[in-house]
Amino acid sequence: MGIDDAIVQLAEKLDAWVDINLDALSSMDQAERVKAVRAALEIIVDLERIKSEGVALVKAVLDNRGAATQDERVATLVRSFEFAAKVSDTLSDEWLDTDGENQVVDLMNDIASQLDATGPGRAALAVLLGHADVGVRASAGAYLVDLMPDRVLPILREIEENEHANSAHFTAHWAILGWECEGKFKARRPD
C-alpha cells in the first residue's frame, strides 16, 4: 500500500472514530472519554508517522544526485513529483493538514528546481499532464503553465470547471489566475 493510500485509510479510520466516539467525548463516564481520546491520539500518531515516511522518501530522492544517468535522474524526479502531488492532495483533502501539505509542496518546488538543472528541465513533468489522478494533472499544470501555456491552460481550465472545492480545483484555479495576472503584468511592461 502506498503512503497516500495509507493516509486515506487513516481518514476513513478517523471518520469511523467520530461515528463511534463523539458521544463518548461528552459522556459523564471518564473511562469512556479517556478511551475515545486515546483512540484519536493513535490515529494522529499514525498520520504523523506516515507523513514523515513520505517526506523522507522524497528527500532521499532529492539528496541522491549522482547515483544515476541524467535520464534515470529525470525519471526518478518525475515519479517523486507524482508521488508528492498525491500526498499533498491527500493531506489537504482528507486531513485538512495545511502544514503537511505546505511541507510537501516545498519538496515539489525542490523537485522542479532540480529538474530545471537537467537537460529537459521541468518540461519533463509534461508526461503527468495526462495522468489519471486529477490532482497530479493539476500540480503538473501549475508547474508548467508558464512554459507551455497553450497546452496546459485547457487542462487547468477543465480541472477548474469539473472539480469542486478540492486541492485539484484550487491548484488549477490559482495557476490560471497567476498566469493571467503575470501575463497582464508582462504586457504592461515597457520593452
C-alpha atoms as a PDB file:
ATOM      1  CA  MET A   1       0.000   0.000   0.000  1.00  0.00           C
ATOM      2  CA  GLY A   2       1.287   3.462  -0.879  1.00  0.00           C
ATOM      3  CA  ILE A   3       1.648   6.273   1.601  1.00  0.00           C
ATOM      4  CA  ASP A   4      -1.157   8.285   0.007  1.00  0.00           C
ATOM      5  CA  ASP A   5      -3.463   5.227   0.316  1.00  0.00           C
ATOM      6  CA  ALA A   6      -2.435   4.815   3.952  1.00  0.00           C
ATOM      7  CA  ILE A   7      -3.357   8.444   4.635  1.00  0.00           C
ATOM      8  CA  VAL A   8      -6.773   7.931   3.016  1.00  0.00           C
ATOM      9  CA  GLN A   9      -7.311   4.828   5.185  1.00  0.00           C
ATOM     10  CA  LEU A  10      -6.448   6.873   8.260  1.00  0.00           C
ATOM     11  CA  ALA A  11      -9.039   9.463   7.220  1.00  0.00           C
ATOM     12  CA  GLU A  12     -11.612   6.669   6.976  1.00  0.00           C
ATOM     13  CA  LYS A  13     -10.497   5.430  10.394  1.00  0.00           C
ATOM     14  CA  LEU A  14     -10.992   8.959  11.756  1.00  0.00           C
ATOM     15  CA  ASP A  15     -14.495   9.116  10.278  1.00  0.00           C
ATOM     16  CA  ALA A  16     -15.309   5.801  11.943  1.00  0.00           C
ATOM     17  CA  TRP A  17     -13.822   7.096  15.203  1.00  0.00           C
ATOM     18  CA  VAL A  18     -16.102  10.150  15.056  1.00  0.00           C
ATOM     19  CA  ASP A  19     -19.151   7.953  14.450  1.00  0.00           C
ATOM     20  CA  ILE A  20     -18.287   5.713  17.394  1.00  0.00           C
ATOM     21  CA  ASN A  21     -16.726   8.107  19.896  1.00  0.00           C
ATOM     22  CA  LEU A  22     -18.372  11.502  19.519  1.00  0.00           C
ATOM     23  CA  ASP A  23     -20.925  10.699  22.196  1.00  0.00           C
ATOM     24  CA  ALA A  24     -18.196   9.280  24.437  1.00  0.00           C
ATOM     25  CA  LEU A  25     -16.415  12.642  24.493  1.00  0.00           C
ATOM     26  CA  SER A  26     -19.438  14.334  26.031  1.00  0.00           C
ATOM     27  CA  SER A  27     -20.180  11.384  28.297  1.00  0.00           C
ATOM     28  CA  MET A  28     -20.027  11.700  32.047  1.00  0.00           C
ATOM     29  CA  ASP A  29     -18.078   8.429  32.093  1.00  0.00           C
ATOM     30  CA  GLN A  30     -14.435   9.445  32.323  1.00  0.00           C
ATOM     31  CA  ALA A  31     -13.216   5.990  31.285  1.00  0.00           C
ATOM     32  CA  GLU A  32     -15.161   6.288  28.009  1.00  0.00           C
ATOM     33  CA  ARG A  33     -13.757   9.777  27.372  1.00  0.00           C
ATOM     34  CA  VAL A  34     -10.190   8.596  28.013  1.00  0.00           C
ATOM     35  CA  LYS A  35     -10.691   5.603  25.709  1.00  0.00           C
ATOM     36  CA  ALA A  36     -12.002   7.894  22.938  1.00  0.00           C
ATOM     37  CA  VAL A  37      -9.112  10.346  23.300  1.00  0.00           C
ATOM     38  CA  ARG A  38      -6.544   7.527  23.234  1.00  0.00           C
ATOM     39  CA  ALA A  39      -8.073   6.180  20.032  1.00  0.00           C
ATOM     40  CA  ALA A  40      -7.852   9.656  18.462  1.00  0.00           C
ATOM     41  CA  LEU A  41      -4.234  10.053  19.533  1.00  0.00           C
ATOM     42  CA  GLU A  42      -3.347   6.709  17.927  1.00  0.00           C
ATOM     43  CA  ILE A  43      -4.786   7.955  14.635  1.00  0.00           C
ATOM     44  CA  ILE A  44      -2.808  11.209  14.872  1.00  0.00           C
ATOM     45  CA  VAL A  45       0.425   9.354  15.676  1.00  0.00           C
ATOM     46  CA  ASP A  46      -0.155   7.091  12.665  1.00  0.00           C
ATOM     47  CA  LEU A  47      -0.698  10.121  10.415  1.00  0.00           C
ATOM     48  CA  GLU A  48       2.491  11.794  11.612  1.00  0.00           C
ATOM     49  CA  ARG A  49       4.463   8.579  11.065  1.00  0.00           C
ATOM     50  CA  ILE A  50       3.104   8.127   7.546  1.00  0.00           C
ATOM     51  CA  LYS A  51       3.734  11.792   6.697  1.00  0.00           C
ATOM     52  CA  SER A  52       7.303  11.514   7.954  1.00  0.00           C
ATOM     53  CA  GLU A  53       7.882   8.409   5.830  1.00  0.00           C
ATOM     54  CA  GLY A  54       6.550  10.134   2.720  1.00  0.00           C
ATOM     55  CA  VAL A  55       8.640  13.257   3.253  1.00  0.00           C
ATOM     56  CA  ALA A  56      11.719  11.125   3.934  1.00  0.00           C
ATOM     57  CA  LEU A  57      11.206   9.216   0.663  1.00  0.00           C
ATOM     58  CA  VAL A  58      11.039  12.410  -1.393  1.00  0.00           C
ATOM     59  CA  LYS A  59      14.002  13.953   0.446  1.00  0.00           C
ATOM     60  CA  ALA A  60      16.045  10.813  -0.227  1.00  0.00           C
ATOM     61  CA  VAL A  61      15.385  11.215  -3.957  1.00  0.00           C
ATOM     62  CA  LEU A  62      16.335  14.897  -3.805  1.00  0.00           C
ATOM     63  CA  ASP A  63      19.564  14.150  -1.932  1.00  0.00           C
ATOM     64  CA  ASN A  64      20.637  11.322  -4.275  1.00  0.00           C
ATOM     65  CA  ARG A  65      22.013  13.402  -7.142  1.00  0.00           C
ATOM     66  CA  GLY A  66      24.919  11.399  -8.508  1.00  0.00           C
ATOM     67  CA  ALA A  67      23.697   7.819  -8.489  1.00  0.00           C
ATOM     68  CA  ALA A  68      22.064   7.685 -11.939  1.00  0.00           C
ATOM     69  CA  THR A  69      22.326   8.866 -15.515  1.00  0.00           C
ATOM     70  CA  GLN A  70      20.552  12.100 -16.300  1.00  0.00           C
ATOM     71  CA  ASP A  71      17.632  10.234 -17.916  1.00  0.00           C
ATOM     72  CA  GLU A  72      17.267   7.996 -14.859  1.00  0.00           C
ATOM     73  CA  ARG A  73      17.513  11.028 -12.571  1.00  0.00           C
ATOM     74  CA  VAL A  74      14.814  12.883 -14.504  1.00  0.00           C
ATOM     75  CA  ALA A  75      12.517   9.834 -14.440  1.00  0.00           C
ATOM     76  CA  THR A  76      13.034   9.462 -10.688  1.00  0.00           C
ATOM     77  CA  LEU A  77      12.324  13.148 -10.082  1.00  0.00           C
ATOM     78  CA  VAL A  78       9.131  12.968 -12.177  1.00  0.00           C
ATOM     79  CA  ARG A  79       7.929   9.895 -10.221  1.00  0.00           C
ATOM     80  CA  SER A  80       8.752  11.693  -6.974  1.00  0.00           C
ATOM     81  CA  PHE A  81       6.777  14.735  -8.128  1.00  0.00           C
ATOM     82  CA  GLU A  82       3.825  12.488  -8.955  1.00  0.00           C
ATOM     83  CA  PHE A  83       4.014  10.862  -5.517  1.00  0.00           C
ATOM     84  CA  ALA A  84       4.368  14.231  -3.756  1.00  0.00           C
ATOM     85  CA  ALA A  85       1.360  15.650  -5.622  1.00  0.00           C
ATOM     86  CA  LYS A  86      -0.784  12.732  -4.462  1.00  0.00           C
ATOM     87  CA  VAL A  87       0.388  13.041  -0.866  1.00  0.00           C
ATOM     88  CA  SER A  88      -0.123  16.810  -0.888  1.00  0.00           C
ATOM     89  CA  ASP A  89      -3.685  16.464  -2.167  1.00  0.00           C
ATOM     90  CA  THR A  90      -4.476  13.716   0.307  1.00  0.00           C
ATOM     91  CA  LEU A  91      -3.147  15.717   3.249  1.00  0.00           C
ATOM     92  CA  SER A  92      -5.231  18.684   2.155  1.00  0.00           C
ATOM     93  CA  ASP A  93      -8.439  16.975   1.059  1.00  0.00           C
ATOM     94  CA  GLU A  94      -8.640  14.160   3.606  1.00  0.00           C
ATOM     95  CA  TRP A  95      -6.982  15.731   6.662  1.00  0.00           C
ATOM     96  CA  LEU A  96      -7.108  19.498   6.123  1.00  0.00           C
ATOM     97  CA  ASP A  97      -3.425  19.398   7.115  1.00  0.00           C
ATOM     98  CA  THR A  98      -2.103  22.616   5.578  1.00  0.00           C
ATOM     99  CA  ASP A  99       1.229  22.388   7.390  1.00  0.00           C
ATOM    100  CA  GLY A 100       1.835  18.900   5.989  1.00  0.00           C
ATOM    101  CA  GLU A 101       0.614  19.968   2.560  1.00  0.00           C
ATOM    102  CA  ASN A 102       2.933  23.002   2.574  1.00  0.00           C
ATOM    103  CA  GLN A 103       5.876  20.829   3.584  1.00  0.00           C
ATOM    104  CA  VAL A 104       5.223  18.533   0.619  1.00  0.00           C
ATOM    105  CA  VAL A 105       4.710  21.475  -1.759  1.00  0.00           C
ATOM    106  CA  ASP A 106       8.122  22.796  -0.675  1.00  0.00           C
ATOM    107  CA  LEU A 107       9.549  19.424  -1.736  1.00  0.00           C
ATOM    108  CA  MET A 108       7.719  19.714  -5.065  1.00  0.00           C
ATOM    109  CA  ASN A 109       9.400  23.114  -5.535  1.00  0.00           C
ATOM    110  CA  ASP A 110      12.756  21.452  -4.861  1.00  0.00           C
ATOM    111  CA  ILE A 111      11.962  18.732  -7.394  1.00  0.00           C
ATOM    112  CA  ALA A 112      11.083  21.367 -10.014  1.00  0.00           C
ATOM    113  CA  SER A 113      14.337  23.219  -9.260  1.00  0.00           C
ATOM    114  CA  GLN A 114      16.345  20.039  -9.673  1.00  0.00           C
ATOM    115  CA  LEU A 115      14.546  19.305 -12.935  1.00  0.00           C
ATOM    116  CA  ASP A 116      15.368  22.829 -14.119  1.00  0.00           C
ATOM    117  CA  ALA A 117      19.054  21.937 -13.744  1.00  0.00           C
ATOM    118  CA  THR A 118      18.732  18.980 -16.149  1.00  0.00           C
ATOM    119  CA  GLY A 119      18.665  18.922 -19.952  1.00  0.00           C
ATOM    120  CA  PRO A 120      14.897  18.524 -20.311  1.00  0.00           C
ATOM    121  CA  GLY A 121      14.176  20.891 -17.434  1.00  0.00           C
ATOM    122  CA  ARG A 122      10.771  20.940 -15.805  1.00  0.00           C
ATOM    123  CA  ALA A 123       9.242  20.170 -19.221  1.00  0.00           C
ATOM    124  CA  ALA A 124       9.817  16.552 -18.170  1.00  0.00           C
ATOM    125  CA  LEU A 125       6.716  16.958 -15.986  1.00  0.00           C
ATOM    126  CA  ALA A 126       4.594  17.164 -19.162  1.00  0.00           C
ATOM    127  CA  VAL A 127       4.186  13.369 -19.077  1.00  0.00           C
ATOM    128  CA  LEU A 128       1.995  13.936 -16.000  1.00  0.00           C
ATOM    129  CA  LEU A 129      -0.486  16.188 -17.822  1.00  0.00           C
ATOM    130  CA  GLY A 130      -2.405  13.086 -18.945  1.00  0.00           C
ATOM    131  CA  HIS A 131      -2.191  11.326 -15.570  1.00  0.00           C
ATOM    132  CA  ALA A 132      -5.308   9.529 -14.321  1.00  0.00           C
ATOM    133  CA  ASP A 133      -5.162  11.389 -10.994  1.00  0.00           C
ATOM    134  CA  VAL A 134      -6.643  14.864 -11.427  1.00  0.00           C
ATOM    135  CA  GLY A 135      -4.503  16.268  -8.612  1.00  0.00           C
ATOM    136  CA  VAL A 136      -1.324  15.126 -10.331  1.00  0.00           C
ATOM    137  CA  ARG A 137      -2.502  16.742 -13.586  1.00  0.00           C
ATOM    138  CA  ALA A 138      -3.308  19.995 -11.773  1.00  0.00           C
ATOM    139  CA  SER A 139       0.038  20.097  -9.983  1.00  0.00           C
ATOM    140  CA  ALA A 140       1.997  19.346 -13.143  1.00  0.00           C
ATOM    141  CA  GLY A 141      -0.005  22.012 -14.963  1.00  0.00           C
ATOM    142  CA  ALA A 142       0.714  24.581 -12.268  1.00  0.00           C
ATOM    143  CA  TYR A 143       4.447  23.975 -12.663  1.00  0.00           C
ATOM    144  CA  LEU A 144       4.273  24.047 -16.480  1.00  0.00           C
ATOM    145  CA  VAL A 145       1.771  26.827 -17.253  1.00  0.00           C
ATOM    146  CA  ASP A 146       4.448  29.461 -17.917  1.00  0.00           C
ATOM    147  CA  LEU A 147       6.485  27.061 -20.027  1.00  0.00           C
ATOM    148  CA  MET A 148       3.694  25.725 -22.236  1.00  0.00           C
ATOM    149  CA  PRO A 149       0.506  27.754 -21.724  1.00  0.00           C
ATOM    150  CA  ASP A 150      -1.175  26.648 -24.969  1.00  0.00           C
ATOM    151  CA  ARG A 151      -1.049  23.027 -23.854  1.00  0.00           C
ATOM    152  CA  VAL A 152      -1.567  23.496 -20.113  1.00  0.00           C
ATOM    153  CA  LEU A 153      -4.290  26.145 -19.818  1.00  0.00           C
ATOM    154  CA  PRO A 154      -7.029  23.977 -21.399  1.00  0.00           C
ATOM    155  CA  ILE A 155      -6.157  21.179 -18.960  1.00  0.00           C
ATOM    156  CA  LEU A 156      -6.214  23.536 -15.980  1.00  0.00           C
ATOM    157  CA  ARG A 157      -9.486  25.129 -17.104  1.00  0.00           C
ATOM    158  CA  GLU A 158     -11.111  21.712 -17.471  1.00  0.00           C
ATOM    159  CA  ILE A 159      -9.999  20.778 -13.947  1.00  0.00           C
ATOM    160  CA  GLU A 160     -11.237  24.089 -12.582  1.00  0.00           C
ATOM    161  CA  GLU A 161     -14.647  23.545 -14.192  1.00  0.00           C
ATOM    162  CA  ASN A 162     -15.090  19.878 -13.262  1.00  0.00           C
ATOM    163  CA  GLU A 163     -13.609  19.682  -9.770  1.00  0.00           C
ATOM    164  CA  HIS A 164     -15.191  21.420  -6.828  1.00  0.00           C
ATOM    165  CA  ALA A 165     -13.671  22.530  -3.533  1.00  0.00           C
ATOM    166  CA  ASN A 166     -10.723  20.150  -3.544  1.00  0.00           C
ATOM    167  CA  SER A 167      -6.977  20.560  -3.978  1.00  0.00           C
ATOM    168  CA  ALA A 168      -7.040  19.890  -7.709  1.00  0.00           C
ATOM    169  CA  HIS A 169      -9.642  22.623  -8.221  1.00  0.00           C
ATOM    170  CA  PHE A 170      -7.764  25.184  -6.140  1.00  0.00           C
ATOM    171  CA  THR A 171      -4.397  24.329  -7.706  1.00  0.00           C
ATOM    172  CA  ALA A 172      -5.859  24.780 -11.194  1.00  0.00           C
ATOM    173  CA  HIS A 173      -7.693  27.969 -10.235  1.00  0.00           C
ATOM    174  CA  TRP A 174      -4.639  29.651  -8.685  1.00  0.00           C
ATOM    175  CA  ALA A 175      -2.340  28.541 -11.500  1.00  0.00           C
ATOM    176  CA  ILE A 176      -4.700  30.076 -14.079  1.00  0.00           C
ATOM    177  CA  LEU A 177      -5.147  33.244 -12.046  1.00  0.00           C
ATOM    178  CA  GLY A 178      -1.403  33.612 -11.522  1.00  0.00           C
ATOM    179  CA  TRP A 179      -0.689  33.069 -15.193  1.00  0.00           C
ATOM    180  CA  GLU A 180      -3.357  35.574 -16.249  1.00  0.00           C
ATOM    181  CA  CYS A 181      -2.139  38.223 -13.794  1.00  0.00           C
ATOM    182  CA  GLU A 182       1.504  37.692 -14.715  1.00  0.00           C
ATOM    183  CA  GLY A 183       0.632  37.785 -18.422  1.00  0.00           C
ATOM    184  CA  LYS A 184      -1.239  41.078 -17.993  1.00  0.00           C
ATOM    185  CA  PHE A 185       1.620  42.485 -15.946  1.00  0.00           C
ATOM    186  CA  LYS A 186       4.170  41.448 -18.583  1.00  0.00           C
ATOM    187  CA  ALA A 187       2.036  43.072 -21.291  1.00  0.00           C
ATOM    188  CA  ARG A 188       2.163  46.427 -19.458  1.00  0.00           C
ATOM    189  CA  ARG A 189       5.957  46.451 -19.016  1.00  0.00           C
ATOM    190  CA  PRO A 190       7.894  48.622 -21.434  1.00  0.00           C
ATOM    191  CA  ASP A 191      10.444  46.774 -23.571  1.00  0.00           C
END
